[in-house]
Protein backbone atom coordinates (compact mmCIF):
# COMPACT_ATOMS: atom_id res chain seq x y z
CA MET A 1 -2.72 14.36 10.95
CA SER A 2 0.06 11.96 11.92
CA GLN A 3 -2.50 9.21 12.61
CA PHE A 4 -6.11 8.37 12.03
CA VAL A 5 -8.43 5.35 12.56
CA ALA A 6 -9.76 3.73 9.36
CA ALA A 7 -12.67 1.37 9.24
CA ALA A 8 -13.30 -1.10 6.39
CA CYS A 9 -16.77 -2.68 6.20
CA GLN A 10 -17.22 -6.21 4.87
CA MET A 11 -20.74 -6.65 3.41
CA ASP A 12 -22.86 -9.45 1.99
CA SER A 13 -24.78 -7.23 -0.48
CA GLN A 14 -27.71 -8.77 -2.28
CA ASP A 15 -30.33 -7.62 -4.78
CA ASP A 16 -32.39 -5.44 -2.43
CA LYS A 17 -30.80 -1.98 -2.99
CA GLN A 18 -32.31 -0.12 -0.09
CA GLU A 19 -31.72 -2.90 2.36
CA ASN A 20 -28.05 -2.98 1.33
CA ILE A 21 -27.83 0.78 1.79
CA ASP A 22 -29.58 0.78 5.18
CA ARG A 23 -27.15 -1.97 6.35
CA ALA A 24 -24.19 0.17 5.18
CA LEU A 25 -25.43 3.21 6.92
CA GLY A 26 -25.68 1.18 10.12
CA PHE A 27 -22.02 0.09 9.64
CA VAL A 28 -21.06 3.80 9.64
CA ASP A 29 -22.61 4.12 13.10
CA ASP A 30 -20.69 1.07 14.26
CA ALA A 31 -17.44 2.27 12.89
CA VAL A 32 -17.77 5.65 14.52
CA ALA A 33 -18.54 4.02 17.83
CA ALA A 34 -15.26 2.06 17.36
CA GLY A 35 -13.36 5.41 16.95
CA ALA A 36 -13.17 5.55 13.16
CA ASP A 37 -12.29 8.89 11.39
CA PHE A 38 -12.76 7.25 7.99
CA VAL A 39 -15.22 4.57 6.81
CA ALA A 40 -14.92 2.58 3.57
CA PHE A 41 -17.32 0.14 1.84
CA PRO A 42 -16.80 -2.59 -0.81
CA GLU A 43 -17.52 -2.69 -4.48
CA MET A 44 -21.20 -2.94 -5.55
CA MET A 45 -22.15 -1.96 -1.99
CA SER A 46 -25.75 -1.14 -3.07
CA TYR A 47 -26.68 -4.00 -5.38
CA ILE A 48 -25.44 -7.44 -6.56
CA GLY A 49 -27.98 -9.32 -8.62
CA PRO A 50 -29.32 -9.76 -12.22
CA LYS A 51 -27.28 -7.66 -14.59
CA ASP A 52 -30.23 -6.58 -16.65
CA ARG A 53 -31.30 -4.58 -13.61
CA TYR A 54 -28.15 -2.47 -13.60
CA PRO A 55 -29.77 0.58 -15.43
CA GLU A 56 -32.81 0.28 -13.08
CA VAL A 57 -30.68 0.56 -9.89
CA ALA A 58 -28.22 3.08 -11.28
CA GLU A 59 -28.19 6.64 -9.96
CA SER A 60 -26.41 9.88 -10.61
CA VAL A 61 -23.56 11.02 -8.32
CA ASP A 62 -25.95 13.69 -6.91
CA GLY A 63 -28.68 11.14 -6.38
CA GLU A 64 -30.34 9.75 -3.24
CA LEU A 65 -27.69 7.05 -2.51
CA VAL A 66 -24.85 9.55 -2.22
CA GLN A 67 -26.99 11.95 -0.31
CA GLN A 68 -27.80 9.32 2.34
CA PHE A 69 -24.11 8.72 2.93
CA ALA A 70 -23.37 12.41 2.80
CA ASP A 71 -25.97 12.95 5.64
CA LYS A 72 -24.30 10.17 7.65
CA ALA A 73 -20.79 11.64 7.14
CA ARG A 74 -22.13 15.06 8.26
CA GLU A 75 -23.88 13.51 11.25
CA HIS A 76 -20.71 11.96 12.57
CA ASP A 77 -18.13 14.43 11.15
CA VAL A 78 -16.21 11.60 9.41
CA TYR A 79 -14.96 10.90 5.95
CA VAL A 80 -16.87 8.18 4.10
CA HIS A 81 -16.01 6.25 0.97
CA THR A 82 -19.17 4.86 -0.49
CA GLY A 83 -17.59 1.74 -2.07
CA SER A 84 -19.01 1.50 -5.51
CA PHE A 85 -22.43 1.71 -6.94
CA PHE A 86 -23.86 1.78 -10.44
CA GLU A 87 -23.94 5.25 -11.99
CA HIS A 88 -26.46 6.20 -14.72
CA ILE A 89 -25.06 7.10 -18.14
CA PRO A 90 -27.52 9.24 -20.24
CA ASP A 91 -28.51 7.66 -23.53
CA SER A 92 -26.63 4.40 -22.81
CA ASP A 93 -27.61 0.93 -21.94
CA ARG A 94 -24.48 0.59 -19.85
CA VAL A 95 -23.60 2.10 -16.44
CA TYR A 96 -20.45 3.22 -14.66
CA ASN A 97 -19.08 1.30 -11.69
CA THR A 98 -18.48 4.41 -9.51
CA SER A 99 -17.19 5.31 -6.10
CA VAL A 100 -17.39 8.62 -4.19
CA LEU A 101 -15.24 9.97 -1.44
CA LEU A 102 -17.28 12.27 1.01
CA GLY A 103 -15.84 14.78 3.37
CA PRO A 104 -16.97 15.27 6.98
CA LYS A 105 -19.32 18.04 6.01
CA GLY A 106 -21.00 15.72 3.50
CA ASP A 107 -19.36 17.30 0.53
CA VAL A 108 -18.35 15.19 -2.54
CA LEU A 109 -14.58 15.47 -2.65
CA ASP A 110 -14.13 13.30 -5.76
CA THR A 111 -15.55 10.47 -7.92
CA TYR A 112 -13.83 7.49 -9.49
CA ARG A 113 -15.16 5.29 -12.31
CA LYS A 114 -13.63 1.87 -12.47
CA VAL A 115 -11.08 1.78 -15.30
CA HIS A 116 -10.33 -1.99 -15.64
CA LEU A 117 -13.35 -4.14 -16.21
CA PHE A 118 -13.55 -7.79 -15.18
CA ASP A 119 -13.92 -10.01 -18.24
CA ILE A 120 -12.76 -13.46 -17.32
CA GLU A 121 -12.46 -16.47 -19.68
CA ILE A 122 -11.64 -19.90 -18.43
CA ASP A 123 -11.14 -22.88 -20.83
CA GLY A 124 -12.24 -20.77 -23.80
CA ASN A 125 -15.58 -19.82 -22.13
CA VAL A 126 -16.69 -16.50 -20.98
CA GLU A 127 -17.37 -16.80 -17.31
CA TYR A 128 -18.00 -13.14 -16.44
CA GLU A 129 -18.16 -10.15 -18.79
CA GLU A 130 -18.38 -6.91 -16.88
CA SER A 131 -17.86 -4.81 -19.92
CA ALA A 132 -21.16 -6.09 -21.44
CA ARG A 133 -23.08 -3.98 -18.84
CA VAL A 134 -20.49 -1.52 -17.51
CA ALA A 135 -18.53 1.27 -19.35
CA PRO A 136 -14.92 1.92 -18.25
CA GLY A 137 -13.75 5.13 -16.70
CA ASP A 138 -10.71 6.89 -18.19
CA GLU A 139 -9.08 8.74 -15.32
CA ALA A 140 -6.75 7.94 -12.37
CA VAL A 141 -7.98 9.84 -9.34
CA THR A 142 -6.13 11.04 -6.19
CA VAL A 143 -7.80 13.09 -3.45
CA GLU A 144 -5.89 15.25 -1.05
CA THR A 145 -7.68 15.51 2.41
CA ASP A 146 -6.77 16.52 5.96
CA LEU A 147 -6.32 12.80 6.74
CA ALA A 148 -4.20 11.64 3.80
CA THR A 149 -3.97 11.73 0.03
CA PHE A 150 -6.15 8.93 -1.20
CA GLY A 151 -5.66 7.00 -4.42
CA LEU A 152 -8.93 5.53 -5.68
CA SER A 153 -9.39 2.17 -7.38
CA ILE A 154 -12.03 -0.62 -7.63
CA CYS A 155 -11.48 -4.44 -7.53
CA TYR A 156 -10.02 -5.71 -10.83
CA ASP A 157 -7.82 -2.56 -10.95
CA LEU A 158 -5.75 -4.36 -8.27
CA ARG A 159 -4.09 -6.46 -11.04
CA PHE A 160 -2.67 -3.42 -12.76
CA PRO A 161 0.36 -2.17 -10.79
CA ASN A 162 1.09 0.80 -13.09
CA LEU A 163 -2.25 2.43 -11.92
CA TYR A 164 -0.98 2.34 -8.33
CA GLN A 165 2.44 3.57 -9.21
CA THR A 166 0.77 6.46 -10.94
CA LEU A 167 -1.32 7.21 -7.90
CA ALA A 168 1.68 7.00 -5.59
CA HIS A 169 3.69 9.38 -7.77
CA ARG A 170 0.86 11.82 -7.74
CA GLY A 171 1.08 11.87 -3.95
CA ALA A 172 -1.20 9.03 -2.75
CA ASN A 173 -0.29 7.50 0.55
CA VAL A 174 -3.57 5.54 1.19
CA LEU A 175 -4.91 3.31 -1.55
CA LEU A 176 -8.55 2.27 -1.61
CA VAL A 177 -9.56 -0.98 -3.14
CA PRO A 178 -13.29 -1.66 -2.64
CA SER A 179 -13.80 -5.10 -4.10
CA ALA A 180 -16.06 -8.10 -4.81
CA PHE A 181 -13.29 -10.58 -5.49
CA THR A 182 -14.55 -13.99 -6.58
CA MET A 183 -13.86 -16.99 -4.34
CA PHE A 184 -12.08 -18.63 -7.36
CA THR A 185 -9.51 -15.85 -7.77
CA GLY A 186 -9.56 -14.47 -4.21
CA LYS A 187 -8.33 -17.58 -2.35
CA ASP A 188 -5.08 -17.39 -4.30
CA HIS A 189 -4.56 -13.81 -5.39
CA TRP A 190 -6.39 -11.42 -3.09
CA GLU A 191 -3.88 -11.03 -0.12
CA PRO A 192 -0.70 -11.31 -2.27
CA LEU A 193 -1.83 -8.58 -4.71
CA LEU A 194 -2.89 -6.33 -1.85
CA ARG A 195 0.50 -6.73 -0.06
CA ALA A 196 2.34 -6.24 -3.26
CA ARG A 197 0.63 -2.95 -4.02
CA ALA A 198 1.35 -1.77 -0.47
CA ILE A 199 4.99 -2.69 -0.78
CA GLU A 200 5.50 -1.27 -4.32
CA THR A 201 3.94 2.05 -3.41
CA GLN A 202 4.85 2.17 0.31
CA SER A 203 1.33 3.14 1.06
CA TYR A 204 -1.43 1.89 3.31
CA VAL A 205 -4.03 -0.18 1.45
CA ILE A 206 -7.65 -0.27 2.66
CA ALA A 207 -9.53 -3.12 0.91
CA PRO A 208 -13.21 -3.66 1.94
CA GLY A 209 -14.65 -6.68 0.28
CA GLN A 210 -17.88 -8.45 -0.44
CA ILE A 211 -18.42 -11.94 1.15
CA GLY A 212 -21.00 -14.65 0.50
CA ASP A 213 -23.06 -16.20 -2.14
CA LYS A 214 -24.69 -13.73 -4.57
CA PRO A 215 -27.80 -13.83 -6.75
CA SER A 216 -26.76 -14.12 -10.45
CA ALA A 217 -23.08 -13.50 -9.59
CA PRO A 218 -20.05 -15.56 -8.49
CA GLN A 219 -19.49 -16.40 -4.82
CA THR A 220 -17.38 -13.67 -3.23
CA TYR A 221 -14.20 -14.18 -1.10
CA GLY A 222 -14.38 -11.54 1.68
CA ARG A 223 -11.16 -11.27 3.80
CA THR A 224 -11.43 -7.47 3.97
CA MET A 225 -8.05 -6.18 5.16
CA ILE A 226 -5.90 -3.18 5.90
CA VAL A 227 -2.22 -3.48 4.93
CA ASP A 228 0.59 -1.22 6.02
CA PRO A 229 3.46 0.31 3.81
CA TRP A 230 5.81 -2.51 4.69
CA GLY A 231 3.18 -5.13 3.42
CA ASN A 232 2.05 -6.24 6.89
CA VAL A 233 -1.66 -7.11 7.23
CA ILE A 234 -2.64 -5.09 10.29
CA SER A 235 -6.29 -5.95 10.28
CA LYS A 236 -8.43 -8.62 8.67
CA ALA A 237 -12.11 -9.55 8.74
CA LYS A 238 -13.47 -12.95 9.61
CA ASP A 239 -15.75 -14.81 7.24
CA GLN A 240 -18.83 -12.79 8.04
CA PRO A 241 -20.16 -9.22 7.53
CA GLU A 242 -18.30 -6.98 9.91
CA THR A 243 -16.27 -3.81 10.44
CA ILE A 244 -12.59 -3.90 10.98
CA THR A 245 -10.39 -0.98 12.07
CA ALA A 246 -6.77 0.06 12.16
CA THR A 247 -4.68 3.05 13.04
CA LEU A 248 -2.81 4.52 10.17
CA ASP A 249 0.47 5.92 11.37
CA PHE A 250 1.98 8.47 8.89
CA ASP A 251 5.27 8.92 10.88
CA TYR A 252 5.77 5.18 10.29
CA LEU A 253 4.89 5.62 6.61
CA ASP A 254 7.35 8.51 6.25
CA GLU A 255 10.05 6.52 7.99
CA THR A 256 9.43 3.52 5.58
CA ARG A 257 9.75 5.84 2.54
CA ARG A 258 12.87 7.55 3.95
CA GLU A 259 14.68 4.32 4.68
CA LEU A 260 13.75 2.48 1.49
CA GLN A 261 13.41 5.11 -1.20
CA SER A 262 12.04 2.99 -3.98
CA LEU A 263 9.44 5.66 -5.13
CA ARG A 264 12.35 8.13 -5.70
CA HIS A 265 14.38 5.56 -7.57
CA THR A 266 11.78 5.23 -10.45
CA ARG A 267 13.78 5.42 -13.66
CA SER A 268 11.70 7.70 -15.80
CA ASP A 269 14.64 7.98 -18.26
CA VAL A 270 14.26 4.25 -19.06
CA TYR A 271 10.52 3.66 -18.77
CA GLU A 272 7.42 5.76 -18.32
CA LEU A 273 4.39 5.33 -16.25
CA PRO A 274 1.21 5.47 -18.21
């Protein structure tokens, strides 16, 4: 396809898992009504609450949560990116922070487990330690579809440009960044980082975010946005739960990559991508 309509859903997820899922499923209906071919959700779409409940709310990739989204994708014949949820790890007290990309027939196209975990220390004090409850993934994931080749990532990954260079060199032209950026970091870093990743990789970036105050977690920034390959923000959410849409134009993407061939100019003889 030379174009498709992408929807990014900004959510205010709390500690009631099924209520969050039901709200997200309703967002799929809203996005399809707005003409979307692809619908994406933020990090921790299904649960944000006390960390000791992570194993309780975790599921397997073939569990009920993914099945509910698969049914909705099949109902509307659209691609759905679940955002992230906690995935059960057998014989472990930690979980994965996992996202799934579903095809329009409800099939699981691929799975990504968050590689970079958010451990932040301010003035010598640990403020947030994701790695205490979450195990890191170990694979960069691209998914080729009829719409685009998607490069998968989650939130804190955004600060590691080599991941996105790797995804782009593997063929990704749309980068997914489901997030729950904190207000503290988001107000200064969220938009500049998203625009930088788009410019560096000459890709579209779809970044659905969490917004609002959270139980047992930092306040989240929101500002869900979609960025084009030149670094222009082409759609941005207001400070409320809502769905935004934008048309992704791959003739424009190809023109951008043809006129400014920075991806081709990577000097692999001097440095290597990880």
